[in-house]
N, C-alpha and C. Protein backbone atom coordinates (compact mmCIF):
# COMPACT_ATOMS: atom_id res chain seq x y z
N MET A 1 -110.97 -5.02 -70.81
CA MET A 1 -110.34 -4.00 -71.13
C MET A 1 -110.68 -4.20 -73.25
N ILE A 2 -111.16 -2.73 -73.32
CA ILE A 2 -111.62 -2.75 -74.84
C ILE A 2 -110.69 -2.37 -75.75
N ASN A 3 -110.64 -3.67 -76.58
CA ASN A 3 -109.61 -3.53 -78.13
C ASN A 3 -110.21 -2.10 -78.80
N LEU A 4 -109.06 -0.97 -79.00
CA LEU A 4 -109.88 -0.35 -80.12
C LEU A 4 -109.57 0.43 -81.33
N HIS A 5 -108.32 -1.30 -81.17
CA HIS A 5 -108.51 -1.16 -82.66
C HIS A 5 -108.82 -2.84 -83.48
N SER A 6 -109.38 -2.66 -84.82
CA SER A 6 -109.34 -3.91 -85.60
C SER A 6 -107.82 -4.46 -86.41
N LYS A 7 -108.35 -5.81 -86.71
CA LYS A 7 -107.12 -6.62 -87.52
C LYS A 7 -107.10 -5.88 -88.42
N GLN A 8 -107.74 -4.62 -88.85
CA GLN A 8 -107.38 -3.94 -90.19
C GLN A 8 -106.44 -2.96 -89.59
N THR A 9 -106.32 -1.92 -88.81
CA THR A 9 -106.03 -1.25 -88.14
C THR A 9 -104.48 -1.16 -87.49
N VAL A 10 -104.25 -2.25 -87.56
CA VAL A 10 -102.77 -2.56 -86.75
C VAL A 10 -101.79 -3.28 -86.91
N LYS A 11 -100.71 -3.17 -86.97
CA LYS A 11 -99.72 -4.67 -87.21
C LYS A 11 -98.94 -4.75 -86.08
N TYR A 12 -98.25 -5.74 -86.12
CA TYR A 12 -97.28 -6.34 -85.00
C TYR A 12 -95.69 -6.50 -85.80
N ILE A 13 -95.01 -5.87 -85.53
CA ILE A 13 -93.82 -5.94 -86.74
C ILE A 13 -92.44 -6.59 -85.12
N CYS A 14 -91.95 -7.58 -85.80
CA CYS A 14 -90.70 -8.23 -85.28
C CYS A 14 -89.52 -7.66 -86.21
N GLU A 15 -88.40 -6.88 -85.81
CA GLU A 15 -87.52 -6.72 -86.32
C GLU A 15 -86.41 -7.53 -85.96
N LYS A 16 -85.65 -8.47 -86.94
CA LYS A 16 -84.68 -9.87 -86.22
C LYS A 16 -83.21 -8.80 -86.97
N TYR A 17 -82.14 -8.76 -86.28
CA TYR A 17 -80.65 -8.54 -86.60
C TYR A 17 -79.92 -9.09 -86.90
N PRO A 18 -78.77 -8.83 -87.56
CA PRO A 18 -77.76 -9.93 -87.54
C PRO A 18 -77.29 -10.70 -86.14
N SER A 19 -77.15 -9.77 -85.40
CA SER A 19 -76.52 -10.07 -84.09
C SER A 19 -77.35 -11.00 -83.52
N GLY A 20 -78.80 -11.27 -83.48
CA GLY A 20 -79.69 -12.54 -82.99
C GLY A 20 -80.69 -12.18 -82.23
N ASN A 21 -80.45 -10.29 -82.08
CA ASN A 21 -81.75 -9.05 -81.47
C ASN A 21 -82.89 -9.63 -82.39
N CYS A 22 -83.94 -9.50 -81.37
CA CYS A 22 -85.12 -8.98 -82.12
C CYS A 22 -85.59 -8.62 -81.33
N TYR A 23 -86.91 -7.13 -82.00
CA TYR A 23 -87.19 -5.88 -81.22
C TYR A 23 -88.62 -5.83 -81.74
N TYR A 24 -89.71 -5.66 -80.95
CA TYR A 24 -90.69 -6.21 -81.40
C TYR A 24 -91.62 -4.35 -81.17
N PHE A 25 -92.53 -4.33 -82.20
CA PHE A 25 -93.07 -3.25 -81.88
C PHE A 25 -94.66 -3.18 -82.60
N LYS A 26 -94.91 -2.49 -81.82
CA LYS A 26 -97.33 -2.04 -82.79
C LYS A 26 -96.78 -0.99 -83.46
N GLN A 27 -97.70 -1.22 -84.67
CA GLN A 27 -98.21 0.10 -85.72
C GLN A 27 -99.55 0.49 -85.66
N GLU A 28 -100.39 1.65 -85.31
CA GLU A 28 -101.73 1.64 -85.37
C GLU A 28 -102.07 3.02 -86.69
N VAL A 29 -102.97 2.34 -87.47
CA VAL A 29 -103.49 3.58 -88.58
C VAL A 29 -103.52 4.85 -87.81
N ILE A 30 -103.69 5.83 -88.05
CA ILE A 30 -103.98 7.31 -87.46
C ILE A 30 -104.49 8.20 -88.90
N THR A 31 -105.03 8.91 -88.51
CA THR A 31 -105.98 9.92 -89.29
C THR A 31 -105.31 11.44 -88.96
N TYR A 32 -105.03 12.51 -89.58
CA TYR A 32 -105.08 13.52 -89.45
C TYR A 32 -106.64 14.33 -89.98
N ASN A 33 -107.48 13.85 -90.99
CA ASN A 33 -108.22 14.92 -90.72
C ASN A 33 -109.66 13.75 -90.02
N SER A 34 -110.15 12.72 -91.11
CA SER A 34 -111.13 12.15 -90.72
C SER A 34 -111.00 10.12 -91.28
N TRP A 35 -111.89 9.31 -90.82
CA TRP A 35 -111.54 8.03 -90.87
C TRP A 35 -112.38 8.08 -92.45
N GLU A 36 -113.06 8.89 -92.84
CA GLU A 36 -114.08 8.85 -94.02
C GLU A 36 -113.20 9.85 -95.17
N ASP A 37 -112.16 10.15 -94.90
CA ASP A 37 -111.12 10.66 -95.71
C ASP A 37 -110.35 9.91 -95.80
N ILE A 38 -110.01 8.77 -97.18
CA ILE A 38 -109.22 7.62 -96.90
C ILE A 38 -107.70 8.38 -97.75
N SER A 39 -107.42 9.13 -97.94
CA SER A 39 -105.80 9.88 -98.33
C SER A 39 -105.52 10.67 -96.94
N SER A 40 -106.20 10.63 -95.83
CA SER A 40 -105.92 11.35 -94.65
C SER A 40 -105.47 10.16 -93.56
N LEU A 41 -105.43 8.90 -94.22
CA LEU A 41 -104.91 7.84 -93.40
C LEU A 41 -103.60 7.27 -93.80
N GLN A 42 -102.61 6.81 -92.34
CA GLN A 42 -101.26 6.78 -92.67
C GLN A 42 -100.70 5.41 -91.43
N TRP A 43 -99.70 5.07 -91.41
CA TRP A 43 -99.14 4.53 -90.09
C TRP A 43 -98.61 5.52 -89.25
N GLY A 44 -98.84 5.06 -88.12
CA GLY A 44 -98.47 5.90 -87.04
C GLY A 44 -96.79 5.41 -86.68
N ARG A 45 -96.33 5.80 -85.72
CA ARG A 45 -95.20 5.71 -85.14
C ARG A 45 -94.78 4.21 -84.57
N LYS A 46 -94.23 3.53 -84.69
CA LYS A 46 -94.13 2.39 -84.02
C LYS A 46 -93.56 2.59 -82.56
N ARG A 47 -94.28 1.64 -81.91
CA ARG A 47 -94.51 1.86 -80.33
C ARG A 47 -94.00 0.27 -79.78
N PRO A 48 -92.81 0.25 -79.13
CA PRO A 48 -92.48 -0.73 -78.52
C PRO A 48 -93.57 -1.90 -77.83
N ILE A 49 -93.41 -3.22 -77.87
CA ILE A 49 -94.28 -4.49 -77.40
C ILE A 49 -93.21 -5.01 -76.76
N SER A 50 -93.48 -5.82 -76.23
CA SER A 50 -93.11 -7.13 -75.51
C SER A 50 -93.24 -8.80 -76.32
N LYS A 51 -92.30 -9.40 -76.46
CA LYS A 51 -91.98 -10.87 -77.61
C LYS A 51 -93.45 -11.41 -77.10
N THR A 52 -94.24 -11.70 -76.00
CA THR A 52 -95.02 -12.15 -75.12
C THR A 52 -96.32 -11.22 -75.83
N THR A 53 -96.40 -10.20 -76.43
CA THR A 53 -97.66 -9.41 -77.06
C THR A 53 -97.38 -9.58 -78.09
N PHE A 54 -96.34 -10.01 -79.30
CA PHE A 54 -96.25 -10.41 -80.38
C PHE A 54 -96.98 -11.18 -80.71
N ASP A 55 -96.04 -12.38 -79.88
CA ASP A 55 -96.74 -13.83 -80.29
C ASP A 55 -98.47 -14.19 -80.08
N LYS A 56 -98.84 -13.48 -79.15
CA LYS A 56 -100.30 -13.50 -78.95
C LYS A 56 -100.79 -13.07 -79.67
N ARG A 57 -100.57 -12.00 -80.46
CA ARG A 57 -101.41 -11.05 -81.45
C ARG A 57 -101.32 -11.98 -82.56
N LYS A 58 -99.84 -12.70 -83.03
CA LYS A 58 -99.60 -13.44 -84.10
C LYS A 58 -100.94 -14.70 -83.92
N LYS A 59 -101.16 -15.05 -82.98
CA LYS A 59 -101.73 -16.66 -82.32
C LYS A 59 -103.61 -16.12 -83.12
N GLU A 60 -103.53 -14.83 -82.39
CA GLU A 60 -104.94 -14.49 -83.01
C GLU A 60 -105.55 -13.97 -83.87
N GLY A 61 -104.48 -13.68 -84.96
CA GLY A 61 -104.32 -13.33 -86.41
C GLY A 61 -104.39 -12.05 -86.63
N TYR A 62 -104.18 -11.42 -85.68
CA TYR A 62 -103.27 -10.34 -86.51
C TYR A 62 -102.35 -10.46 -87.17
N ARG A 63 -102.05 -8.89 -88.32
CA ARG A 63 -101.40 -8.85 -89.19
C ARG A 63 -99.92 -8.78 -88.36
N THR A 64 -98.94 -9.62 -88.82
CA THR A 64 -97.74 -9.82 -88.50
C THR A 64 -96.77 -9.46 -89.44
N VAL A 65 -95.61 -8.91 -88.83
CA VAL A 65 -94.90 -8.62 -90.07
C VAL A 65 -93.17 -8.91 -89.57
N GLU A 66 -92.62 -9.71 -90.01
CA GLU A 66 -90.88 -10.12 -89.36
C GLU A 66 -90.02 -9.89 -90.80
N GLU A 67 -88.96 -8.23 -89.87
CA GLU A 67 -88.19 -7.60 -91.27
C GLU A 67 -86.76 -8.21 -90.26
N PHE A 68 -85.83 -8.58 -91.68
CA PHE A 68 -84.41 -8.81 -91.28
C PHE A 68 -83.62 -7.50 -91.51
N ILE A 69 -83.01 -6.87 -90.65
CA ILE A 69 -82.51 -5.59 -90.61
C ILE A 69 -81.14 -5.73 -91.05
N GLN A 70 -80.57 -5.50 -92.23
CA GLN A 70 -79.41 -5.43 -92.60
C GLN A 70 -78.39 -4.10 -92.39
N ARG A 71 -77.74 -4.02 -91.76
CA ARG A 71 -76.86 -2.65 -91.58
C ARG A 71 -76.12 -2.88 -91.62
N PRO A 72 -74.76 -1.98 -91.98
CA PRO A 72 -73.49 -2.33 -91.95
C PRO A 72 -72.86 -1.95 -90.68
N PRO A 73 -71.80 -2.86 -89.88
CA PRO A 73 -71.64 -2.32 -88.63
C PRO A 73 -71.32 -0.49 -88.44
N ALA A 74 -71.58 -0.23 -87.35
CA ALA A 74 -71.20 1.13 -86.93
C ALA A 74 -70.19 1.14 -87.04
N VAL A 75 -69.38 3.11 -87.32
CA VAL A 75 -68.17 3.26 -87.77
C VAL A 75 -67.94 3.46 -86.50
N ILE A 76 -66.26 3.17 -86.32
CA ILE A 76 -65.51 3.42 -84.58
C ILE A 76 -64.62 4.97 -84.80
N ILE A 77 -64.99 5.80 -84.19
CA ILE A 77 -64.80 6.67 -84.38
C ILE A 77 -63.66 6.97 -83.26
N PRO A 78 -62.21 6.95 -83.26
CA PRO A 78 -61.28 7.12 -82.20
C PRO A 78 -61.01 8.66 -81.76
N PHE A 79 -61.26 8.87 -80.38
CA PHE A 79 -60.81 10.18 -80.22
C PHE A 79 -59.55 10.43 -79.61
N LYS A 80 -58.53 11.42 -79.81
CA LYS A 80 -57.65 11.13 -79.13
C LYS A 80 -57.97 11.72 -77.61
N GLN A 81 -56.87 10.68 -76.82
CA GLN A 81 -57.17 11.15 -75.24
C GLN A 81 -56.04 12.12 -75.00
N THR A 82 -56.45 13.20 -73.81
CA THR A 82 -55.71 13.91 -72.89
C THR A 82 -55.01 13.24 -72.16
N MET A 83 -53.65 14.09 -71.56
CA MET A 83 -53.31 13.57 -70.10
C MET A 83 -54.21 14.83 -69.36
N LYS A 84 -54.39 13.85 -68.44
CA LYS A 84 -54.93 15.02 -66.53
C LYS A 84 -53.62 15.35 -65.98
N GLN A 85 -53.51 16.43 -66.08
CA GLN A 85 -51.93 16.69 -65.18
C GLN A 85 -52.74 17.26 -63.56
């Protein structure tokens, strides 16, 4: 299999949450014009990957980012229950 991205055009992300859950993603540089137009380059959408892939790419020297996501807990909205007849 041919790898289409170099170490400069892809990054691997690990998002860690206070719950202990970790989610892994791959993000690639994309362009909306041409690769020669630097202003048209941007990071694409994060795509899910496995922990194994993240660890493998980290070992191979690819750019890896580990982010700790601190968000407040979700707000619980109580719904009024109705009695069925």
